[in-house]
Amino acid sequence: MSDKTFLQWPFFEGKHRVLSEEQENWADAHLADVDHTDTDAACRHLVTALGEAGFLQHSGAPDGRLDVRSLCLIRETLARHDGLADFAFAMQGLGTGAISLFGTDDQKAEWLPKTRSGKAISAFALTEPQSGSDVANSTMTATDDGDAYVLDGEKTWISNGGIADVYTLFARTGEAPGAKGLSAFIVTPDLPGFEIAERLETIAPHPLATLRFTGCRVPKENLIGTPGSGFRIAMSVLDIFRSTVAAAALGFARRALDEALSRVITREIQGAPLFDLQLVQGHIADMALDVDAAALLVYRAAWTKDSGAPRVTREAAMAKLFATDQAQQIIDKAVQLHGGDGVRSGTTVEKLYREIRALRIYEGASDVQKIIIARQALGAFQGD
């Protein structure tokens, strides 16, 4: 049984403990044997199920007030049970985060009831083939043309690409060079000129695609916020959801620790449990320490945001960097402790090994998080 004593930390309120218990009970009942054979179908099923259970109500907020601790607790629990379930939940929030925070009343009324009930699937279209994590250098254009903006260019590695009903998309409208010339739009796949250029396969199967736009007209009422505010919108959304990526990594790490503990107390070597070896105890100690350290960083970032901080760039970057990198190491230790069974296709630790790798890349790669943290540290030292 995964450790739950962290719920008594002062970061949490009673409602969070109730939510954690409800999520745990639901996951036990619904995620034991999710069929991943058809990834698209599995994601649609999971979004529907999460919506019917009421958990997607946390993924968006008409008043723009997202409870980050709740988002993190849900992602941690789902990731511990099923990586695709975590993915399905996460994208409902990330995909509509810009609408929750900056959308008009009409935009919120049209989309949030659908995504929060699981009746529509959302996506966040930011990454481009050439710019990657360098969002300020995005080249996809949105040209002002009377009553519409005309989109031209490509987005890639878009989660839920090919199955989403609504995309939050960022493109260059050109109000200024670099970051100040981007805008955010609501885009639907039925618009002429929008095509799925390629479906992308990864080591842990998720719905991913490259999107291509050729003269795609988006009505001006689909603009989120103001022209030129796209970079600020994207960073504000990532500021919230980056902490939840760390929480998902924490969930993977907790599951790996549980699997490792189960292995070393049941597996015998020379007539004694594997756990009796001091080297094994050292591995378990390192894993437990890293799990708690990651949890402290994750829920510090979430609590700080929920307490009213306008930005948690530093805290979120630290949480994502540490939690994802350490989860990779924790899972690797779990695989090692399983011996040959650790690399057997379909075992829990083998699936965790494939699931964790992408989290060190998406929503800001680990090296990018180091740059963010270093710049924040320099700014604080210089009094900026």
Protein backbone atom coordinates (compact mmCIF):
# COMPACT_ATOMS: atom_id res chain seq x y z
CA MET A 1 0.00 0.00 0.00
CA SER A 2 1.50 3.31 -1.05
CA ASP A 3 2.39 5.70 1.78
CA LYS A 4 -0.34 8.29 2.46
CA THR A 5 1.14 10.01 5.52
CA PHE A 6 2.07 12.99 3.35
CA LEU A 7 -1.61 13.96 3.31
CA GLN A 8 -1.17 15.09 6.92
CA TRP A 9 1.37 17.71 5.87
CA PRO A 10 0.20 21.33 6.39
CA PHE A 11 0.06 21.86 2.61
CA PHE A 12 -3.36 20.17 2.56
CA GLU A 13 -6.89 20.92 3.74
CA GLY A 14 -9.62 18.47 4.65
CA LYS A 15 -11.13 18.64 1.16
CA HIS A 16 -7.86 17.39 -0.32
CA ARG A 17 -7.79 14.36 1.96
CA VAL A 18 -11.38 13.54 1.01
CA LEU A 19 -10.57 13.94 -2.69
CA SER A 20 -7.54 11.68 -2.38
CA GLU A 21 -9.60 8.92 -0.77
CA GLU A 22 -12.36 9.22 -3.38
CA GLN A 23 -9.83 9.12 -6.20
CA GLU A 24 -8.06 6.11 -4.70
CA ASN A 25 -11.30 4.16 -4.33
CA TRP A 26 -12.35 5.00 -7.89
CA ALA A 27 -8.96 4.06 -9.32
CA ASP A 28 -8.99 0.73 -7.47
CA ALA A 29 -12.39 -0.05 -8.97
CA HIS A 30 -11.85 1.19 -12.53
CA LEU A 31 -8.17 1.11 -13.48
CA ALA A 32 -7.06 -2.41 -12.61
CA ASP A 33 -7.36 -3.73 -16.16
CA VAL A 34 -7.73 -0.86 -18.64
CA ASP A 35 -7.47 -2.18 -22.20
CA HIS A 36 -4.63 -0.29 -23.91
CA THR A 37 -4.82 -2.24 -27.16
CA ASP A 38 -6.39 0.70 -29.00
CA THR A 39 -4.84 3.85 -27.50
CA ASP A 40 -7.33 6.27 -29.04
CA ALA A 41 -10.31 4.25 -27.85
CA ALA A 42 -8.78 3.83 -24.40
CA CYS A 43 -8.28 7.58 -24.05
CA ARG A 44 -11.84 8.32 -25.14
CA HIS A 45 -13.11 5.75 -22.64
CA LEU A 46 -10.99 7.17 -19.81
CA VAL A 47 -12.07 10.76 -20.47
CA THR A 48 -15.71 9.68 -20.43
CA ALA A 49 -15.24 7.67 -17.23
CA LEU A 50 -13.36 10.46 -15.45
CA GLY A 51 -16.08 12.90 -16.49
CA GLU A 52 -18.89 10.67 -15.27
CA ALA A 53 -17.09 10.24 -11.92
CA GLY A 54 -16.85 14.02 -11.52
CA PHE A 55 -13.05 14.26 -11.40
CA LEU A 56 -12.82 16.35 -14.55
CA GLN A 57 -14.64 19.15 -12.73
CA HIS A 58 -11.20 19.93 -11.29
CA SER A 59 -9.65 20.26 -14.75
CA GLY A 60 -11.24 23.61 -15.55
CA ALA A 61 -12.84 26.48 -13.70
CA PRO A 62 -15.30 29.06 -15.06
CA ASP A 63 -14.00 31.58 -12.50
CA GLY A 64 -10.39 30.89 -13.47
CA ARG A 65 -9.48 29.57 -10.02
CA LEU A 66 -7.87 26.17 -10.43
CA ASP A 67 -6.95 24.28 -7.25
CA VAL A 68 -3.45 23.09 -8.07
CA ARG A 69 -3.20 20.80 -5.05
CA SER A 70 -6.29 18.95 -6.23
CA LEU A 71 -4.87 18.67 -9.75
CA CYS A 72 -1.61 17.29 -8.36
CA LEU A 73 -3.30 14.79 -6.04
CA ILE A 74 -5.46 13.46 -8.88
CA ARG A 75 -2.53 13.14 -11.26
CA GLU A 76 -0.35 11.47 -8.65
CA THR A 77 -3.04 8.90 -7.87
CA LEU A 78 -3.93 8.20 -11.50
CA ALA A 79 -0.27 7.87 -12.52
CA ARG A 80 0.31 5.36 -9.73
CA HIS A 81 -2.53 3.22 -11.12
CA ASP A 82 -2.41 3.78 -14.90
CA GLY A 83 -0.25 6.11 -16.99
CA LEU A 84 -2.83 6.55 -19.74
CA ALA A 85 -5.50 7.54 -17.20
CA ASP A 86 -3.17 10.24 -15.92
CA PHE A 87 -2.59 11.40 -19.50
CA ALA A 88 -6.32 11.55 -20.22
CA PHE A 89 -7.00 13.66 -17.13
CA ALA A 90 -4.01 15.94 -17.59
CA MET A 91 -4.84 16.95 -21.14
CA GLN A 92 -8.38 18.01 -20.21
CA GLY A 93 -6.85 20.61 -17.90
CA LEU A 94 -3.89 21.68 -20.01
CA GLY A 95 -5.98 21.83 -23.17
CA THR A 96 -8.53 24.22 -21.67
CA GLY A 97 -6.26 26.01 -19.17
CA ALA A 98 -6.08 29.09 -21.37
CA ILE A 99 -9.88 29.18 -21.65
CA SER A 100 -10.30 28.82 -17.87
CA LEU A 101 -7.80 31.60 -17.14
CA PHE A 102 -8.24 34.03 -20.04
CA GLY A 103 -11.32 33.01 -22.04
CA THR A 104 -14.41 35.14 -22.53
CA ASP A 105 -17.65 34.19 -20.82
CA ASP A 106 -18.94 32.84 -24.14
CA GLN A 107 -15.81 30.75 -24.71
CA LYS A 108 -16.01 29.29 -21.21
CA ALA A 109 -19.74 28.60 -21.56
CA GLU A 110 -19.21 26.79 -24.86
CA TRP A 111 -16.28 24.55 -23.93
CA LEU A 112 -15.79 24.07 -20.19
CA PRO A 113 -19.08 22.21 -19.58
CA LYS A 114 -18.12 19.78 -22.36
CA THR A 115 -14.54 19.14 -21.28
CA ARG A 116 -15.34 19.02 -17.55
CA SER A 117 -18.05 16.42 -18.14
CA GLY A 118 -15.90 14.28 -20.44
CA LYS A 119 -18.09 14.96 -23.47
CA ALA A 120 -15.30 16.70 -25.39
CA ILE A 121 -11.56 16.03 -25.54
CA SER A 122 -9.11 18.93 -25.45
CA ALA A 123 -5.52 19.54 -26.59
CA PHE A 124 -2.76 22.12 -26.17
CA ALA A 125 -1.00 22.95 -29.46
CA LEU A 126 2.22 24.83 -28.71
CA THR A 127 5.27 22.85 -29.90
CA GLU A 128 6.58 23.27 -33.45
CA PRO A 129 9.01 21.13 -35.47
CA GLN A 130 11.87 23.65 -35.35
CA SER A 131 11.34 25.67 -32.16
CA GLY A 132 10.55 22.89 -29.66
CA SER A 133 10.78 24.32 -26.14
CA ASP A 134 11.79 27.75 -27.52
CA VAL A 135 8.23 29.03 -27.64
CA ALA A 136 9.24 32.64 -28.31
CA ASN A 137 10.63 31.59 -31.70
CA SER A 138 7.45 29.91 -32.94
CA THR A 139 6.99 30.49 -36.67
CA MET A 140 3.42 29.39 -37.33
CA THR A 141 1.48 32.45 -38.50
CA ALA A 142 -2.02 33.77 -37.88
CA THR A 143 -2.72 36.52 -40.41
CA ASP A 144 -5.47 39.07 -39.72
CA ASP A 145 -7.98 38.85 -42.57
CA GLY A 146 -11.15 40.77 -41.79
CA ASP A 147 -13.45 38.64 -39.67
CA ALA A 148 -10.92 35.83 -39.24
CA TYR A 149 -7.30 34.90 -38.67
CA VAL A 150 -5.70 32.67 -41.30
CA LEU A 151 -3.44 29.95 -39.87
CA ASP A 152 -0.45 28.59 -41.77
CA GLY A 153 2.20 26.23 -40.41
CA GLU A 154 2.65 23.09 -38.33
CA LYS A 155 2.46 21.96 -34.73
CA THR A 156 3.97 18.68 -33.59
CA TRP A 157 4.06 16.29 -30.62
CA ILE A 158 0.54 17.45 -29.83
CA SER A 159 -1.05 15.27 -27.16
CA ASN A 160 -4.56 14.14 -28.12
CA GLY A 161 -3.74 15.15 -31.67
CA GLY A 162 -6.17 13.33 -33.94
CA ILE A 163 -8.83 12.68 -31.28
CA ALA A 164 -9.36 16.13 -29.72
CA ASP A 165 -12.56 18.10 -30.22
CA VAL A 166 -10.94 21.42 -29.33
CA TYR A 167 -7.36 22.69 -29.50
CA THR A 168 -5.83 25.70 -27.77
CA LEU A 169 -3.32 26.81 -30.38
CA PHE A 170 -0.59 29.46 -30.36
CA ALA A 171 0.54 31.28 -33.51
CA ARG A 172 2.44 34.40 -34.51
CA THR A 173 0.23 37.42 -35.17
CA GLY A 174 3.26 39.72 -35.38
CA GLU A 175 2.47 42.56 -32.96
CA ALA A 176 6.17 42.56 -32.01
CA PRO A 177 9.22 40.33 -32.48
CA GLY A 178 9.70 37.19 -30.39
CA ALA A 179 7.48 36.44 -27.44
CA LYS A 180 5.37 39.58 -27.77
CA GLY A 181 4.05 38.63 -31.20
CA LEU A 182 2.16 35.44 -30.34
CA SER A 183 -1.58 34.96 -29.82
CA ALA A 184 -3.80 32.13 -28.58
CA PHE A 185 -6.78 30.66 -30.41
CA ILE A 186 -9.53 28.10 -29.99
CA VAL A 187 -9.39 25.79 -33.00
CA THR A 188 -11.68 22.89 -33.90
CA PRO A 189 -10.73 20.04 -36.26
CA ASP A 190 -13.67 20.64 -38.58
CA LEU A 191 -12.20 23.90 -39.93
CA PRO A 192 -11.13 23.72 -43.61
CA GLY A 193 -7.35 23.78 -43.94
CA PHE A 194 -6.75 21.82 -40.70
CA GLU A 195 -5.32 18.33 -41.20
CA ILE A 196 -3.61 15.65 -39.18
CA ALA A 197 -0.30 15.39 -41.03
CA GLU A 198 1.08 12.45 -39.06
CA ARG A 199 0.28 10.26 -36.07
CA LEU A 200 3.34 9.79 -33.85
CA GLU A 201 4.26 6.56 -32.07
CA THR A 202 6.25 6.59 -28.82
CA ILE A 203 7.70 4.06 -26.38
CA ALA A 204 4.68 4.59 -24.11
CA PRO A 205 1.74 4.77 -26.53
CA HIS A 206 -0.34 7.96 -26.25
CA PRO A 207 -2.42 9.79 -28.88
CA LEU A 208 0.10 12.19 -30.48
CA ALA A 209 0.15 13.93 -33.83
CA THR A 210 1.61 16.56 -36.10
CA LEU A 211 -0.98 19.13 -37.15
CA ARG A 212 -0.80 21.04 -40.43
CA PHE A 213 -2.64 24.28 -41.22
CA THR A 214 -2.96 25.62 -44.74
CA GLY A 215 -5.05 28.77 -45.12
CA CYS A 216 -7.17 27.71 -42.15
CA ARG A 217 -9.61 30.49 -41.24
CA VAL A 218 -10.36 30.85 -37.53
CA PRO A 219 -13.17 33.25 -36.55
CA LYS A 220 -11.95 36.25 -34.58
CA GLU A 221 -14.23 35.38 -31.68
CA ASN A 222 -11.95 32.34 -31.19
CA LEU A 223 -9.06 34.57 -30.11
CA ILE A 224 -8.23 33.98 -26.43
CA GLY A 225 -7.25 37.16 -24.62
CA THR A 226 -5.80 39.96 -26.72
CA PRO A 227 -3.57 39.90 -29.81
CA GLY A 228 0.06 39.52 -28.79
CA SER A 229 -0.73 38.02 -25.36
CA GLY A 230 -0.21 34.40 -26.40
CA PHE A 231 3.19 33.90 -24.80
CA ARG A 232 1.99 35.26 -21.46
CA ILE A 233 -1.08 33.01 -21.68
CA ALA A 234 1.00 29.93 -22.48
CA MET A 235 3.43 30.59 -19.64
CA SER A 236 0.60 31.19 -17.17
CA VAL A 237 -0.97 27.86 -18.11
CA LEU A 238 2.35 26.02 -17.88
CA ASP A 239 3.04 27.72 -14.55
CA ILE A 240 0.06 25.81 -13.17
CA PHE A 241 0.27 22.52 -15.02
CA ARG A 242 4.05 22.08 -14.83
CA SER A 243 3.62 21.23 -11.14
CA THR A 244 1.12 18.55 -12.08
CA VAL A 245 3.65 16.89 -14.40
CA ALA A 246 5.89 16.61 -11.35
CA ALA A 247 2.96 15.07 -9.45
CA ALA A 248 2.49 12.45 -12.16
CA ALA A 249 6.18 11.59 -11.95
CA LEU A 250 5.75 11.29 -8.20
CA GLY A 251 2.91 8.83 -8.76
CA PHE A 252 5.08 6.72 -11.05
CA ALA A 253 7.87 6.82 -8.46
CA ARG A 254 5.59 5.75 -5.61
CA ARG A 255 4.34 2.80 -7.66
CA ALA A 256 7.91 1.80 -8.48
CA LEU A 257 8.85 1.92 -4.80
CA ASP A 258 5.83 -0.21 -3.91
CA GLU A 259 6.70 -2.75 -6.60
CA ALA A 260 10.31 -2.84 -5.42
CA LEU A 261 9.30 -3.40 -1.79
CA SER A 262 6.96 -6.20 -2.79
CA ARG A 263 9.74 -7.81 -4.80
CA VAL A 264 12.50 -7.66 -2.18
CA ILE A 265 10.40 -9.09 0.66
CA THR A 266 9.08 -12.01 -1.40
CA ARG A 267 12.12 -12.87 -3.51
CA GLU A 268 14.69 -15.04 -1.76
CA ILE A 269 18.41 -15.35 -2.34
CA GLN A 270 20.51 -17.92 -0.49
CA GLY A 271 17.55 -18.78 1.71
CA ALA A 272 16.76 -15.27 2.88
CA PRO A 273 14.64 -12.39 1.55
CA LEU A 274 16.39 -10.10 -0.93
CA PHE A 275 15.67 -7.24 1.47
CA ASP A 276 18.18 -8.65 3.99
CA LEU A 277 21.06 -7.57 1.74
CA GLN A 278 22.45 -4.25 2.89
CA LEU A 279 22.95 -3.05 -0.69
CA VAL A 280 19.25 -3.64 -1.35
CA GLN A 281 18.32 -1.75 1.80
CA GLY A 282 20.50 1.10 0.54
CA HIS A 283 18.57 1.21 -2.75
CA ILE A 284 15.23 1.20 -0.93
CA ALA A 285 16.40 3.99 1.38
CA ASP A 286 17.50 6.12 -1.58
CA MET A 287 14.18 5.54 -3.32
CA ALA A 288 12.11 6.44 -0.25
CA LEU A 289 14.19 9.58 0.35
CA ASP A 290 13.80 10.77 -3.23
CA VAL A 291 10.04 10.14 -3.17
CA ASP A 292 9.58 12.30 -0.07
CA ALA A 293 11.88 15.04 -1.37
CA ALA A 294 9.96 15.14 -4.65
CA ALA A 295 6.64 15.24 -2.82
CA LEU A 296 7.79 18.21 -0.74
CA LEU A 297 8.78 20.15 -3.86
CA VAL A 298 5.58 19.22 -5.73
CA TYR A 299 3.20 20.23 -2.98
CA ARG A 300 5.20 23.30 -2.02
CA ALA A 301 4.72 24.57 -5.58
CA ALA A 302 1.02 23.67 -5.59
CA TRP A 303 0.38 25.20 -2.15
CA THR A 304 2.25 28.37 -3.10
CA LYS A 305 0.08 28.85 -6.18
CA ASP A 306 -3.13 28.07 -4.30
CA SER A 307 -2.10 30.58 -1.60
CA GLY A 308 -2.32 33.42 -4.12
CA ALA A 309 1.13 33.72 -5.66
CA PRO A 310 0.73 35.25 -9.13
CA ARG A 311 3.54 33.10 -10.51
CA VAL A 312 5.36 30.01 -9.26
CA THR A 313 7.85 29.72 -12.09
CA ARG A 314 10.78 28.87 -9.80
CA GLU A 315 8.86 26.49 -7.57
CA ALA A 316 7.21 24.68 -10.48
CA ALA A 317 10.49 24.36 -12.38
CA MET A 318 12.23 22.89 -9.32
CA ALA A 319 9.38 20.45 -8.72
CA LYS A 320 9.27 19.28 -12.34
CA LEU A 321 13.03 18.95 -12.69
CA PHE A 322 13.58 17.05 -9.46
CA ALA A 323 10.47 14.87 -9.48
CA THR A 324 10.84 13.71 -13.08
CA ASP A 325 14.59 13.12 -12.94
CA GLN A 326 14.42 11.28 -9.61
CA ALA A 327 11.43 9.23 -10.72
CA GLN A 328 13.55 8.02 -13.64
CA GLN A 329 16.23 6.87 -11.19
CA ILE A 330 13.73 5.32 -8.77
CA ILE A 331 12.10 3.33 -11.55
CA ASP A 332 15.49 2.24 -12.86
CA LYS A 333 16.35 0.90 -9.39
CA ALA A 334 13.02 -0.94 -9.28
CA VAL A 335 13.78 -2.56 -12.64
CA GLN A 336 17.23 -3.57 -11.37
CA LEU A 337 15.78 -5.12 -8.21
CA HIS A 338 13.40 -7.18 -10.36
CA GLY A 339 16.28 -8.70 -12.29
CA GLY A 340 15.24 -10.29 -15.58
CA ASP A 341 11.57 -9.81 -14.76
CA GLY A 342 12.18 -6.07 -14.73
CA VAL A 343 12.64 -5.97 -18.49
CA ARG A 344 9.92 -8.47 -19.32
CA SER A 345 7.43 -6.73 -21.60
CA GLY A 346 4.15 -5.95 -19.85
CA THR A 347 5.37 -6.04 -16.25
CA THR A 348 4.52 -3.03 -14.10
CA VAL A 349 8.08 -1.76 -13.71
CA GLU A 350 8.76 -2.20 -17.43
CA LYS A 351 5.70 -0.08 -18.24
CA LEU A 352 6.77 2.54 -15.70
CA TYR A 353 10.22 2.60 -17.30
CA ARG A 354 8.66 3.54 -20.63
CA GLU A 355 6.10 5.94 -19.17
CA ILE A 356 8.48 8.14 -17.18
CA ARG A 357 10.88 9.11 -19.94
CA ALA A 358 8.63 11.57 -21.75
CA LEU A 359 7.91 13.55 -18.57
CA ARG A 360 11.52 14.75 -18.54
CA ILE A 361 10.89 16.32 -21.96
CA TYR A 362 7.35 17.64 -22.32
CA GLU A 363 6.15 20.95 -20.86
CA GLY A 364 9.77 22.07 -20.66
CA ALA A 365 12.67 19.64 -20.80
CA SER A 366 14.88 19.12 -17.74
CA ASP A 367 17.66 21.26 -19.22
CA VAL A 368 15.19 24.09 -19.81
CA GLN A 369 14.07 23.87 -16.18
CA LYS A 370 17.70 24.29 -15.10
CA ILE A 371 17.95 27.47 -17.16
CA ILE A 372 14.75 28.80 -15.58
CA ILE A 373 15.96 28.00 -12.05
CA ALA A 374 19.40 29.55 -12.66
CA ARG A 375 17.91 32.76 -14.03
CA GLN A 376 15.48 32.97 -11.12
CA ALA A 377 18.36 32.50 -8.68
CA LEU A 378 20.41 35.22 -10.37
CA GLY A 379 17.43 37.58 -10.40
CA ALA A 380 16.84 37.06 -6.68
CA PHE A 381 20.54 37.62 -5.93
CA GLN A 382 20.56 40.87 -7.92
CA GLY A 383 17.31 42.03 -6.35
CA ASP A 384 15.25 41.95 -9.56
